[in-house]
Amino acid sequence: MQAMAQGGGWRAACSRTTPRFSSSPAQLASRPSSPSLFPARRTLLRAARPLGSRTTAAAAARGPVELLLDNVAGKSELLSPKLDPELRRRTVQAIKQRGGRVTIGDVASTAGLKLDQAEDAVRALASDSQATLQVSDAGDIVYVFSPGFQETITSKSLLLRVEPVVDGVKVGAEYVARVAFGTALIASVVIVFAAITVLANSGRDDNRRSNSGGGGVVFGGGGGRSMFSDMLWYWDPFYFRHRQQRVVQQQRQGGMNFLEAIFSWVFGDGDPNADFDAKRWQSIGRYIAGRGGTVVAEELAPFLDLKPGELASDRNRVTVDESYMVPVLARFNGTPGVDAQGNIVYTFPDLQTTATASRAAAVPADMALEQPLKLTAASQGQKLGAVALGAVNLLGVGALSLMLVDPINQMALARNGLLGVVSLMPFLQAYAAAFFAVPLFRWLRIKAQNAAIEARNQARKAARALLQQPDPVLQQKLAGAARGARRNVIRERDAVYRSDRGLEKQPTDIEADNFDARLEQRTRERQQTPPSRASPQWWRDQQAQRQRDRTG
């Protein structure tokens, strides 16, 4: 011990006999554990634990990234393709937005993901791209991705390279289905009125019926071909390549074509709030992180689904129902607590640790308001045209159905080459009826949904107004949350281990430094000599007590 105390002997002994704490997992696992282990070493021990049965040589040959990600299953294969595509996309986007240097909390708050989802996605991307890991003395891990990490992962997986093509095909198939539905309406009108024309002409004399029968074929064939060739002008086989431009065009001037408008009238244009939850959780996560990981319920109320009476001000604060905070606590691993004034505050430790400093979040400038649903996004003229054409088709199908009750009319169609119309009648009838039945059902449903959306939006606006002009009670709660805010920024210089450096180039040996400091303190205590700086209070009290003992 004396040899170690002289001239930093402990550091020399450590360098001679034992590698630093970032040594191989087998060496780490063989060391006896003690309460004085630093969190950084405990982090490495957890990563090394699954390697206990392997040889030291095999463990030492493993890459540093693999050591820290050892508890991730399937390290020998790519993990990124197994992730949900939307989860992977949002994680990659969050990593890029944060500059490539992130913690799990950074990704969860930026992308609005659950912490376990963010952890799985980040670890998979880090393993596949061989990202650099930095460990702080508190055991926090920072993942550092290179600028081209996404291209690196994509180049390793055929599935990821094919994925954009598959997405494009899906979008193209969706457009084809929309246009085909509109085309079917025009085809139905052509077929129905061709058959009606044939039957009307067949009611005259036999010669006239025979001549008109040929004409019916020409009308149904030649006229139909002409109309369908004209309609091909609306088809755009490269629609999926210009989807974003078309969306912007439709927003500005209702730019969908008439065939799309027919589909839109019947089935609508999708839910405008389809990505509402994703955007809302992104806003919530960023706000909590910007507030230092500690908030009160009223701060998040403008983002959440409130019911009348849930806001504290609605019941004069006699009882407070903050159950709407439960989803937030579950997603970001938060815990409720009570400040010195007895107010409830919510702390999110994982969002308090970050790899990049960020500004404190201000009161949210806009709430997470849902958009009201629309029956169709088609223009007024397109809606009138679709309704008029649908009405003509409905009347035509009804008239033809009555005419085909007579077997003679069916024989007339057969003589003119239109016997297939009889077998098509169930489909034509179903199409004509659904063309108005489906929009009617949707209109009733949308009316009820919009009422609920409006109620939720009004509750959010009320929460926003309370937050903009807080009363004394809310001001006290906000002040308590501000006092509990913490922001642990892990900078480059705070890393005590880096996976991109060899053992001899690691930044520092924290355990050795701490042992030397404690050894020096114990030596000074035994020698009864104060430190070189101002004497601490404990030393002065000790000397005064000894003086009293001697004089007594």
Protein backbone atom coordinates (compact mmCIF):
# COMPACT_ATOMS: atom_id res chain seq x y z
CA MET A 1 0.00 0.00 0.00
CA GLN A 2 2.87 2.38 0.81
CA ALA A 3 4.44 1.63 -2.56
CA MET A 4 1.18 2.48 -4.23
CA ALA A 5 0.86 5.73 -2.31
CA GLN A 6 4.22 7.01 -3.49
CA GLY A 7 4.26 8.75 -6.84
CA GLY A 8 0.87 7.48 -8.06
CA GLY A 9 1.86 3.86 -7.48
CA TRP A 10 -1.74 2.70 -7.80
CA ARG A 11 -1.97 4.02 -11.32
CA ALA A 12 1.29 2.33 -12.22
CA ALA A 13 0.17 -0.90 -10.61
CA CYS A 14 -3.12 -0.75 -12.48
CA SER A 15 -1.36 -0.21 -15.79
CA ARG A 16 0.98 -3.11 -15.14
CA THR A 17 -1.40 -5.70 -13.76
CA THR A 18 -4.91 -4.85 -14.87
CA PRO A 19 -6.26 -3.16 -17.98
CA ARG A 20 -8.50 -0.16 -17.51
CA PHE A 21 -12.21 -0.55 -16.90
CA SER A 22 -12.76 -0.72 -20.67
CA SER A 23 -10.89 -4.02 -20.97
CA SER A 24 -12.33 -7.24 -22.31
CA PRO A 25 -15.64 -8.52 -20.97
CA ALA A 26 -14.13 -11.68 -19.52
CA GLN A 27 -11.64 -9.62 -17.49
CA LEU A 28 -14.37 -7.29 -16.32
CA ALA A 29 -16.65 -10.13 -15.34
CA SER A 30 -13.84 -11.81 -13.34
CA ARG A 31 -13.33 -8.77 -11.09
CA PRO A 32 -15.12 -8.87 -7.74
CA SER A 33 -18.06 -6.53 -7.57
CA SER A 34 -18.28 -3.88 -4.87
CA PRO A 35 -20.58 -1.00 -4.02
CA SER A 36 -17.89 1.43 -5.18
CA LEU A 37 -18.18 0.38 -8.83
CA PHE A 38 -18.84 3.36 -11.02
CA PRO A 39 -21.93 3.33 -13.23
CA ALA A 40 -19.80 3.34 -16.35
CA ARG A 41 -18.13 0.12 -15.27
CA ARG A 42 -21.49 -1.37 -14.29
CA THR A 43 -22.72 -0.57 -17.79
CA LEU A 44 -19.84 -2.50 -19.32
CA LEU A 45 -20.34 -5.35 -16.88
CA ARG A 46 -23.97 -5.66 -17.93
CA ALA A 47 -22.89 -5.74 -21.56
CA ALA A 48 -20.20 -8.31 -20.80
CA ARG A 49 -22.35 -10.61 -18.65
CA PRO A 50 -23.68 -12.78 -21.54
CA LEU A 51 -20.06 -13.57 -22.52
CA GLY A 52 -19.21 -15.31 -19.24
CA SER A 53 -18.96 -18.73 -20.87
CA ARG A 54 -16.68 -17.61 -23.67
CA THR A 55 -12.95 -17.56 -23.61
CA THR A 56 -11.00 -14.41 -22.90
CA ALA A 57 -9.38 -14.50 -26.33
CA ALA A 58 -12.71 -14.77 -28.13
CA ALA A 59 -14.18 -11.96 -26.05
CA ALA A 60 -11.21 -9.69 -26.63
CA ALA A 61 -11.47 -10.24 -30.39
CA ARG A 62 -15.00 -8.84 -30.48
CA GLY A 63 -15.56 -5.29 -31.61
CA PRO A 64 -16.29 -2.61 -28.99
CA VAL A 65 -19.72 -1.87 -30.42
CA GLU A 66 -20.62 -5.55 -30.15
CA LEU A 67 -19.53 -5.59 -26.50
CA LEU A 68 -21.89 -2.84 -25.44
CA LEU A 69 -24.71 -4.19 -27.60
CA ASP A 70 -24.14 -7.77 -26.52
CA ASN A 71 -27.61 -8.11 -25.00
CA VAL A 72 -29.18 -7.41 -28.39
CA ALA A 73 -30.19 -10.68 -30.01
CA GLY A 74 -29.01 -11.56 -33.49
CA LYS A 75 -25.85 -9.46 -33.69
CA SER A 76 -24.50 -11.58 -36.51
CA GLU A 77 -27.33 -10.50 -38.79
CA LEU A 78 -28.81 -7.19 -39.76
CA LEU A 79 -31.36 -5.92 -37.27
CA SER A 80 -32.63 -2.85 -39.11
CA PRO A 81 -34.75 -4.71 -41.70
CA LYS A 82 -36.64 -6.39 -38.85
CA LEU A 83 -37.80 -3.04 -37.47
CA ASP A 84 -41.18 -1.67 -38.37
CA PRO A 85 -40.60 0.60 -41.41
CA GLU A 86 -42.37 3.55 -39.79
CA LEU A 87 -40.41 3.11 -36.56
CA ARG A 88 -37.15 2.92 -38.50
CA ARG A 89 -38.03 5.97 -40.58
CA ARG A 90 -38.89 8.10 -37.56
CA THR A 91 -35.77 6.97 -35.69
CA VAL A 92 -33.48 7.76 -38.61
CA GLN A 93 -35.12 11.15 -39.02
CA ALA A 94 -34.69 11.93 -35.31
CA ILE A 95 -31.01 10.93 -35.38
CA LYS A 96 -30.39 13.21 -38.34
CA GLN A 97 -32.27 16.08 -36.72
CA ARG A 98 -30.10 15.76 -33.60
CA GLY A 99 -26.89 15.85 -35.64
CA GLY A 100 -26.06 12.14 -35.38
CA ARG A 101 -25.05 12.24 -31.70
CA VAL A 102 -27.93 11.07 -29.53
CA THR A 103 -29.06 9.35 -26.38
CA ILE A 104 -32.10 7.10 -26.19
CA GLY A 105 -34.00 9.95 -24.55
CA ASP A 106 -33.07 12.30 -27.41
CA VAL A 107 -34.55 9.95 -29.99
CA ALA A 108 -37.66 9.22 -27.92
CA SER A 109 -38.41 12.91 -27.34
CA THR A 110 -37.61 14.04 -30.89
CA ALA A 111 -39.53 11.27 -32.65
CA GLY A 112 -42.26 10.89 -30.02
CA LEU A 113 -41.51 7.18 -29.60
CA LYS A 114 -41.91 4.98 -26.58
CA LEU A 115 -38.61 4.59 -24.77
CA ASP A 116 -38.42 0.83 -25.38
CA GLN A 117 -39.16 1.35 -29.08
CA ALA A 118 -36.50 4.04 -29.33
CA GLU A 119 -33.97 1.86 -27.54
CA ASP A 120 -34.58 -1.14 -29.80
CA ALA A 121 -34.41 0.99 -32.96
CA VAL A 122 -31.29 2.92 -31.96
CA ARG A 123 -29.43 -0.20 -30.93
CA ALA A 124 -30.34 -1.95 -34.17
CA LEU A 125 -29.20 1.00 -36.27
CA ALA A 126 -26.03 1.39 -34.20
CA SER A 127 -25.18 -2.29 -34.56
CA ASP A 128 -25.77 -2.32 -38.33
CA SER A 129 -23.89 0.93 -39.02
CA GLN A 130 -21.08 0.33 -36.49
CA ALA A 131 -21.83 3.59 -34.72
CA THR A 132 -19.46 4.92 -32.06
CA LEU A 133 -20.52 4.57 -28.44
CA GLN A 134 -19.45 7.00 -25.74
CA VAL A 135 -19.99 6.18 -22.06
CA SER A 136 -20.03 8.83 -19.34
CA ASP A 137 -18.83 8.26 -15.78
CA ALA A 138 -22.50 7.99 -14.74
CA GLY A 139 -23.04 5.09 -17.13
CA ASP A 140 -25.05 7.02 -19.73
CA ILE A 141 -24.46 5.93 -23.32
CA VAL A 142 -24.28 8.31 -26.27
CA TYR A 143 -24.59 6.87 -29.78
CA VAL A 144 -22.60 8.70 -32.45
CA PHE A 145 -23.68 7.95 -36.04
CA SER A 146 -21.68 8.89 -39.09
CA PRO A 147 -23.34 11.24 -41.64
CA GLY A 148 -23.90 8.41 -44.11
CA PHE A 149 -25.08 5.76 -41.66
CA GLN A 150 -28.42 5.27 -43.43
CA GLU A 151 -26.73 4.59 -46.77
CA THR A 152 -24.32 2.20 -45.03
CA ILE A 153 -27.19 0.14 -43.63
CA THR A 154 -29.13 0.22 -46.90
CA SER A 155 -26.13 -1.05 -48.84
CA LYS A 156 -26.04 -4.16 -46.64
CA SER A 157 -29.68 -5.17 -47.15
CA LEU A 158 -31.47 -6.02 -50.37
CA LEU A 159 -34.78 -5.72 -48.54
CA LEU A 160 -34.07 -2.12 -47.60
CA ARG A 161 -33.04 -1.29 -51.16
CA VAL A 162 -36.23 -2.80 -52.56
CA GLU A 163 -38.47 -1.17 -49.94
CA PRO A 164 -38.83 2.20 -51.76
CA VAL A 165 -39.81 0.38 -54.95
CA VAL A 166 -42.46 -1.62 -53.10
CA ASP A 167 -43.81 1.57 -51.54
CA GLY A 168 -44.00 3.17 -54.97
CA VAL A 169 -45.89 0.19 -56.35
CA LYS A 170 -48.36 0.39 -53.46
CA VAL A 171 -49.00 4.07 -54.10
CA GLY A 172 -49.39 3.42 -57.81
CA ALA A 173 -51.83 0.57 -57.15
CA GLU A 174 -53.84 2.84 -54.88
CA TYR A 175 -54.14 5.43 -57.63
CA VAL A 176 -55.11 2.80 -60.20
CA ALA A 177 -57.88 1.58 -57.87
CA ARG A 178 -59.21 5.11 -57.46
CA VAL A 179 -59.26 5.78 -61.19
CA ALA A 180 -60.66 2.34 -61.99
CA PHE A 181 -63.61 2.97 -59.68
CA GLY A 182 -64.41 6.20 -61.52
CA THR A 183 -63.94 4.45 -64.85
CA ALA A 184 -66.38 1.76 -63.75
CA LEU A 185 -69.12 4.37 -63.31
CA ILE A 186 -68.72 5.65 -66.86
CA ALA A 187 -68.52 2.08 -68.15
CA SER A 188 -71.71 1.26 -66.27
CA VAL A 189 -73.54 4.18 -67.85
CA VAL A 190 -72.32 3.18 -71.33
CA ILE A 191 -73.31 -0.48 -70.90
CA VAL A 192 -76.71 0.29 -69.38
CA PHE A 193 -77.79 2.82 -71.96
CA ALA A 194 -76.44 0.72 -74.81
CA ALA A 195 -78.66 -2.12 -73.61
CA ILE A 196 -81.63 0.21 -73.14
CA THR A 197 -81.18 1.56 -76.66
CA VAL A 198 -81.09 -1.94 -78.08
CA LEU A 199 -84.25 -2.93 -76.21
CA ALA A 200 -86.07 0.24 -77.21
CA ASN A 201 -85.32 -0.33 -80.87
CA SER A 202 -86.24 -4.01 -80.63
CA GLY A 203 -89.83 -3.11 -79.71
CA ARG A 204 -90.59 -2.09 -83.35
CA ASP A 205 -90.90 -4.34 -86.35
CA ASP A 206 -88.57 -7.28 -86.92
CA ASN A 207 -86.58 -5.66 -89.72
CA ARG A 208 -86.06 -2.48 -87.75
CA ARG A 209 -85.11 -4.51 -84.68
CA SER A 210 -82.58 -6.47 -86.70
CA ASN A 211 -81.00 -3.30 -88.09
CA SER A 212 -80.94 -1.57 -84.73
CA GLY A 213 -79.43 -4.69 -83.21
CA GLY A 214 -76.37 -4.24 -85.40
CA GLY A 215 -76.37 -0.60 -84.55
CA GLY A 216 -76.46 -1.55 -80.90
CA VAL A 217 -73.31 -3.50 -81.30
CA VAL A 218 -71.65 -0.60 -83.07
CA PHE A 219 -72.87 1.80 -80.39
CA GLY A 220 -71.72 -0.37 -77.55
CA GLY A 221 -68.44 -1.24 -79.24
CA GLY A 222 -67.32 1.71 -81.29
CA GLY A 223 -68.82 4.38 -79.05
CA GLY A 224 -67.48 2.64 -75.98
CA ARG A 225 -64.00 2.38 -77.48
CA SER A 226 -64.06 6.04 -78.38
CA MET A 227 -65.16 7.07 -74.90
CA PHE A 228 -62.62 4.80 -73.18
CA SER A 229 -59.83 6.05 -75.44
CA ASP A 230 -60.76 9.58 -74.44
CA MET A 231 -60.70 8.63 -70.77
CA LEU A 232 -57.17 7.24 -71.03
CA TRP A 233 -56.04 10.84 -71.12
CA TYR A 234 -56.79 11.00 -67.38
CA TRP A 235 -54.59 8.06 -66.51
CA ASP A 236 -51.11 8.82 -65.23
CA PRO A 237 -48.96 5.68 -64.91
CA PHE A 238 -46.27 7.73 -63.14
CA TYR A 239 -48.69 9.17 -60.63
CA PHE A 240 -46.82 7.76 -57.63
CA ARG A 241 -43.66 9.61 -58.67
CA HIS A 242 -45.46 12.93 -58.50
CA ARG A 243 -47.64 12.21 -55.48
CA GLN A 244 -46.32 15.09 -53.37
CA GLN A 245 -46.71 17.58 -56.20
CA ARG A 246 -50.26 16.37 -56.77
CA VAL A 247 -51.10 16.71 -53.09
CA VAL A 248 -49.89 20.31 -53.10
CA GLN A 249 -51.82 20.97 -56.29
CA GLN A 250 -54.99 19.51 -54.81
CA GLN A 251 -54.61 21.65 -51.71
CA ARG A 252 -54.16 24.79 -53.76
CA GLN A 253 -56.72 24.32 -56.50
CA GLY A 254 -58.50 21.02 -55.95
CA GLY A 255 -56.45 19.45 -58.73
CA MET A 256 -57.76 15.87 -58.70
CA ASN A 257 -59.19 14.68 -62.01
CA PHE A 258 -62.83 13.71 -62.47
CA LEU A 259 -62.22 9.97 -62.18
CA GLU A 260 -60.54 10.50 -58.80
CA ALA A 261 -63.39 12.78 -57.76
CA ILE A 262 -65.86 9.93 -58.31
CA PHE A 263 -63.89 7.69 -55.93
CA SER A 264 -63.52 10.57 -53.48
CA TRP A 265 -67.30 11.12 -53.46
CA VAL A 266 -67.98 7.51 -52.51
CA PHE A 267 -65.05 6.58 -50.25
CA GLY A 268 -63.53 9.91 -49.26
CA ASP A 269 -59.84 10.88 -49.20
CA GLY A 270 -58.59 9.21 -46.06
CA ASP A 271 -58.32 10.46 -42.50
CA PRO A 272 -56.69 13.93 -42.31
CA ASN A 273 -55.69 13.06 -38.72
CA ALA A 274 -53.92 9.82 -39.66
CA ASP A 275 -50.56 11.18 -38.43
CA PHE A 276 -52.08 13.21 -35.61
CA ASP A 277 -50.82 10.93 -32.83
CA ALA A 278 -47.27 10.83 -34.22
CA LYS A 279 -47.05 14.61 -34.45
CA ARG A 280 -48.66 15.08 -31.04
CA TRP A 281 -46.20 12.77 -29.28
CA GLN A 282 -43.32 14.49 -31.02
CA SER A 283 -44.53 17.83 -29.66
CA ILE A 284 -45.02 16.39 -26.17
CA GLY A 285 -41.59 14.75 -26.09
CA ARG A 286 -39.79 17.86 -27.30
CA TYR A 287 -41.66 20.05 -24.85
CA ILE A 288 -40.84 17.84 -21.86
CA ALA A 289 -37.16 17.65 -22.85
CA GLY A 290 -37.04 21.41 -23.36
CA ARG A 291 -38.50 21.96 -19.89
CA GLY A 292 -35.74 19.96 -18.24
CA GLY A 293 -37.73 16.75 -17.88
CA THR A 294 -40.11 18.10 -15.21
CA VAL A 295 -43.60 19.40 -15.98
CA VAL A 296 -47.04 19.78 -14.46
CA ALA A 297 -50.18 18.35 -16.01
CA GLU A 298 -51.50 21.73 -17.16
CA GLU A 299 -48.48 22.18 -19.41
CA LEU A 300 -49.32 19.09 -21.45
CA ALA A 301 -53.10 19.46 -21.34
CA PRO A 302 -53.22 21.41 -24.66
CA PHE A 303 -51.78 18.34 -26.39
CA LEU A 304 -53.91 15.60 -24.85
CA ASP A 305 -57.46 14.29 -25.11
CA LEU A 306 -59.33 16.18 -22.42
CA LYS A 307 -62.91 15.69 -21.32
CA PRO A 308 -65.12 18.40 -19.82
CA GLY A 309 -64.32 18.70 -16.11
CA GLU A 310 -60.83 17.18 -16.26
CA LEU A 311 -59.11 20.55 -16.27
CA ALA A 312 -58.30 21.59 -12.72
CA SER A 313 -59.89 25.02 -13.07
CA ASP A 314 -63.26 23.49 -13.98
CA ARG A 315 -63.86 22.30 -10.41
CA ASN A 316 -62.17 25.06 -8.43
CA ARG A 317 -59.25 22.75 -7.72
CA VAL A 318 -61.12 20.87 -4.97
CA THR A 319 -60.18 17.56 -6.58
CA VAL A 320 -57.87 17.28 -9.51
CA ASP A 321 -58.25 14.50 -12.09
CA GLU A 322 -54.97 14.23 -13.96
CA SER A 323 -55.60 10.76 -15.34
CA TYR A 324 -54.96 12.10 -18.85
CA MET A 325 -51.27 12.11 -17.91
CA VAL A 326 -51.11 8.30 -17.65
CA PRO A 327 -50.32 7.72 -21.38
CA VAL A 328 -47.50 10.28 -21.17
CA LEU A 329 -46.00 8.61 -18.09
CA ALA A 330 -46.18 5.20 -19.75
CA ARG A 331 -44.62 6.36 -23.01
CA PHE A 332 -41.70 8.35 -21.60
CA ASN A 333 -41.17 6.45 -18.32
CA GLY A 334 -42.24 9.34 -16.11
CA THR A 335 -42.98 9.34 -12.39
CA PRO A 336 -45.29 11.61 -10.39
CA GLY A 337 -43.97 13.45 -7.36
CA VAL A 338 -44.83 16.19 -4.92
CA ASP A 339 -42.87 19.42 -4.58
CA ALA A 340 -42.27 21.42 -1.39
CA GLN A 341 -45.65 23.17 -1.73
CA GLY A 342 -47.54 19.90 -2.10
CA ASN A 343 -48.20 20.23 -5.82
CA ILE A 344 -48.02 17.25 -8.18
CA VAL A 345 -45.16 17.40 -10.66
CA TYR A 346 -44.09 14.80 -13.21
CA THR A 347 -40.43 13.91 -13.80
CA PHE A 348 -39.02 12.11 -16.83
CA PRO A 349 -35.40 11.13 -15.99
CA ASP A 350 -34.65 9.60 -19.39
CA LEU A 351 -35.50 12.87 -21.13
CA GLN A 352 -33.20 14.83 -18.81
CA THR A 353 -30.09 13.21 -20.26
CA THR A 354 -29.13 14.53 -23.66
CA ALA A 355 -26.14 14.61 -25.98
CA THR A 356 -26.81 18.15 -27.19
CA ALA A 357 -27.82 21.24 -25.28
CA SER A 358 -31.22 22.61 -26.23
CA ARG A 359 -33.11 25.73 -25.37
CA ALA A 360 -35.82 25.64 -22.74
CA ALA A 361 -39.23 25.11 -24.25
CA ALA A 362 -41.66 27.99 -24.15
CA VAL A 363 -45.38 27.72 -23.71
CA PRO A 364 -46.60 25.80 -26.77
CA ALA A 365 -47.47 28.25 -29.51
CA ASP A 366 -50.03 25.94 -31.05
CA MET A 367 -52.09 23.11 -29.69
CA ALA A 368 -52.44 19.67 -31.16
CA LEU A 369 -55.78 20.37 -32.81
CA GLU A 370 -57.50 17.73 -34.87
CA GLN A 371 -58.78 18.56 -38.33
CA PRO A 372 -62.50 18.12 -39.04
CA LEU A 373 -63.35 15.30 -41.41
CA LYS A 374 -64.70 16.01 -44.89
CA LEU A 375 -67.03 13.96 -47.04
CA THR A 376 -64.82 14.62 -50.07
CA ALA A 377 -61.99 16.91 -51.11
CA ALA A 378 -63.31 17.22 -54.67
CA SER A 379 -64.29 20.64 -55.98
CA GLN A 380 -67.91 21.73 -56.10
CA GLY A 381 -68.14 21.19 -59.85
CA GLN A 382 -66.63 17.73 -59.58
CA LYS A 383 -69.08 16.77 -56.84
CA LEU A 384 -72.05 17.95 -58.91
CA GLY A 385 -70.75 16.06 -61.95
CA ALA A 386 -70.21 12.86 -59.95
CA VAL A 387 -73.67 13.06 -58.36
CA ALA A 388 -75.34 13.76 -61.69
CA LEU A 389 -73.56 10.88 -63.42
CA GLY A 390 -74.36 8.57 -60.49
CA ALA A 391 -78.02 9.57 -60.63
CA VAL A 392 -78.17 8.88 -64.35
CA ASN A 393 -76.54 5.50 -63.76
CA LEU A 394 -78.99 4.67 -60.94
CA LEU A 395 -82.01 5.54 -63.08
CA GLY A 396 -80.60 3.61 -66.02
CA VAL A 397 -79.87 0.51 -63.93
CA GLY A 398 -83.37 0.66 -62.43
CA ALA A 399 -85.04 0.96 -65.83
CA LEU A 400 -82.93 -1.82 -67.33
CA SER A 401 -83.69 -4.08 -64.37
CA LEU A 402 -87.42 -3.68 -64.99
CA MET A 403 -87.02 -4.30 -68.72
CA LEU A 404 -85.02 -7.50 -68.19
CA VAL A 405 -87.81 -9.05 -66.17
CA ASP A 406 -89.33 -9.95 -69.56
CA PRO A 407 -87.46 -12.95 -71.10
CA ILE A 408 -88.13 -11.55 -74.56
CA ASN A 409 -85.90 -8.57 -73.77
CA GLN A 410 -83.16 -10.91 -72.62
CA MET A 411 -83.41 -12.75 -75.94
CA ALA A 412 -83.22 -9.40 -77.73
CA LEU A 413 -79.95 -8.59 -75.98
CA ALA A 414 -78.64 -12.03 -76.88
CA ARG A 415 -79.44 -11.50 -80.56
CA ASN A 416 -77.45 -8.25 -80.46
CA GLY A 417 -74.41 -9.73 -78.70
CA LEU A 418 -75.20 -8.18 -75.29
CA LEU A 419 -76.23 -11.30 -73.38
CA GLY A 420 -73.36 -10.63 -70.94
CA VAL A 421 -75.27 -7.61 -69.65
CA VAL A 422 -77.76 -9.94 -67.99
CA SER A 423 -75.02 -11.62 -65.93
CA LEU A 424 -73.53 -8.22 -65.07
CA MET A 425 -76.79 -6.84 -63.67
CA PRO A 426 -76.15 -7.86 -60.01
CA PHE A 427 -72.83 -6.00 -60.05
CA LEU A 428 -74.33 -2.98 -61.84
CA GLN A 429 -77.17 -2.84 -59.33
CA ALA A 430 -74.83 -3.10 -56.35
CA TYR A 431 -72.57 -0.39 -57.80
CA ALA A 432 -75.48 1.98 -58.46
CA ALA A 433 -76.91 1.49 -54.96
CA ALA A 434 -73.54 1.77 -53.17
CA PHE A 435 -72.74 4.97 -55.06
CA PHE A 436 -75.23 6.79 -52.82
CA ALA A 437 -75.59 4.45 -49.84
CA VAL A 438 -71.90 4.57 -48.89
CA PRO A 439 -71.64 8.41 -48.94
CA LEU A 440 -74.86 8.62 -46.87
CA PHE A 441 -73.45 6.27 -44.23
CA ARG A 442 -70.15 8.16 -44.23
CA TRP A 443 -71.91 11.51 -43.87
CA LEU A 444 -73.79 10.35 -40.76
CA ARG A 445 -70.62 8.93 -39.26
CA ILE A 446 -68.54 12.00 -40.06
CA LYS A 447 -71.15 14.24 -38.46
CA ALA A 448 -70.81 12.37 -35.15
CA GLN A 449 -67.01 12.23 -35.37
CA ASN A 450 -66.71 15.95 -36.05
CA ALA A 451 -68.82 16.72 -33.00
CA ALA A 452 -66.39 14.72 -30.84
CA ILE A 453 -63.39 16.36 -32.53
CA GLU A 454 -64.82 19.82 -31.89
CA ALA A 455 -65.38 18.99 -28.19
CA ARG A 456 -61.77 17.81 -27.80
CA ASN A 457 -60.43 20.85 -29.61
CA GLN A 458 -62.45 23.20 -27.40
CA ALA A 459 -61.05 21.50 -24.29
CA ARG A 460 -57.52 21.93 -25.62
CA LYS A 461 -58.15 25.59 -26.36
CA ALA A 462 -59.40 26.09 -22.79
CA ALA A 463 -56.24 24.41 -21.46
CA ARG A 464 -54.15 26.66 -23.67
CA ALA A 465 -55.95 29.78 -22.36
CA LEU A 466 -55.31 28.68 -18.75
CA LEU A 467 -51.63 28.16 -19.51
CA GLN A 468 -51.31 31.54 -21.22
CA GLN A 469 -52.80 33.37 -18.23
CA PRO A 470 -52.02 31.19 -15.20
CA ASP A 471 -53.68 31.93 -11.89
CA PRO A 472 -51.62 32.01 -8.65
CA VAL A 473 -52.07 28.27 -8.04
CA LEU A 474 -50.83 27.36 -11.50
CA GLN A 475 -47.98 29.85 -11.23
CA GLN A 476 -46.89 28.11 -8.05
CA LYS A 477 -47.01 24.71 -9.78
CA LEU A 478 -45.03 25.98 -12.75
CA ALA A 479 -42.39 27.43 -10.43
CA GLY A 480 -42.11 24.10 -8.61
CA ALA A 481 -41.64 22.26 -11.89
CA ALA A 482 -38.98 24.75 -12.97
CA ARG A 483 -37.04 24.17 -9.73
CA GLY A 484 -37.06 20.44 -10.37
CA ALA A 485 -35.84 20.75 -13.96
CA ARG A 486 -32.55 19.03 -14.75
CA ARG A 487 -30.56 18.85 -17.95
CA ASN A 488 -27.62 16.46 -17.99
CA VAL A 489 -25.70 17.28 -21.17
CA ILE A 490 -23.09 14.64 -22.04
CA ARG A 491 -20.39 16.37 -24.06
CA GLU A 492 -17.46 14.85 -25.87
CA ARG A 493 -15.12 15.62 -23.00
CA ASP A 494 -17.41 13.84 -20.51
CA ALA A 495 -16.90 10.43 -22.13
CA VAL A 496 -14.75 8.02 -20.12
CA TYR A 497 -15.00 5.34 -22.77
CA ARG A 498 -15.17 5.54 -26.56
CA SER A 499 -15.71 2.47 -28.71
CA ASP A 500 -13.71 3.92 -31.60
CA ARG A 501 -10.46 4.00 -29.59
CA GLY A 502 -8.17 1.31 -28.31
CA LEU A 503 -7.76 0.54 -24.64
CA GLU A 504 -4.53 2.50 -24.42
CA LYS A 505 -6.20 5.62 -25.84
CA GLN A 506 -9.26 5.78 -23.59
CA PRO A 507 -9.78 9.24 -22.06
CA THR A 508 -9.15 8.39 -18.41
CA ASP A 509 -9.26 5.76 -15.70
CA ILE A 510 -11.90 7.05 -13.33
CA GLU A 511 -11.62 4.23 -10.80
CA ALA A 512 -7.86 4.66 -10.47
CA ASP A 513 -8.19 8.42 -10.08
CA ASN A 514 -10.85 7.99 -7.42
CA PHE A 515 -8.78 5.42 -5.54
CA ASP A 516 -5.71 7.66 -5.59
CA ALA A 517 -7.76 10.55 -4.24
CA ARG A 518 -9.20 8.47 -1.41
CA LEU A 519 -5.79 6.98 -0.62
CA GLU A 520 -4.25 10.43 -0.42
CA GLN A 521 -7.01 11.61 1.88
CA ARG A 522 -6.55 8.64 4.23
CA THR A 523 -2.78 9.23 4.29
CA ARG A 524 -3.28 12.88 5.27
CA GLU A 525 -5.68 11.86 8.02
CA ARG A 526 -3.16 9.43 9.50
CA GLN A 527 -0.40 12.00 9.33
CA GLN A 528 -2.72 14.61 10.89
CA THR A 529 -1.71 17.17 8.32
CA PRO A 530 -4.24 19.41 6.61
CA PRO A 531 -4.48 19.47 2.80
CA SER A 532 -2.54 22.05 0.85
CA ARG A 533 -5.72 24.12 0.35
CA ALA A 534 -7.72 25.73 3.18
CA SER A 535 -8.31 23.29 6.06
CA PRO A 536 -11.73 21.64 5.88
CA GLN A 537 -14.16 21.94 8.74
CA TRP A 538 -13.87 18.28 9.73
CA TRP A 539 -10.11 18.63 10.18
CA ARG A 540 -10.47 21.77 12.31
CA ASP A 541 -13.10 20.11 14.49
CA GLN A 542 -10.86 17.07 14.93
CA GLN A 543 -7.88 19.18 15.96
CA ALA A 544 -9.99 21.22 18.41
CA GLN A 545 -11.33 18.07 20.07
CA ARG A 546 -7.84 16.64 20.47
CA GLN A 547 -6.67 19.92 22.00
CA ARG A 548 -9.52 19.82 24.51
CA ASP A 549 -8.66 16.24 25.40
CA ARG A 550 -5.04 17.13 26.09
CA THR A 551 -5.86 20.19 28.25
CA GLY A 552 -8.61 18.37 30.13
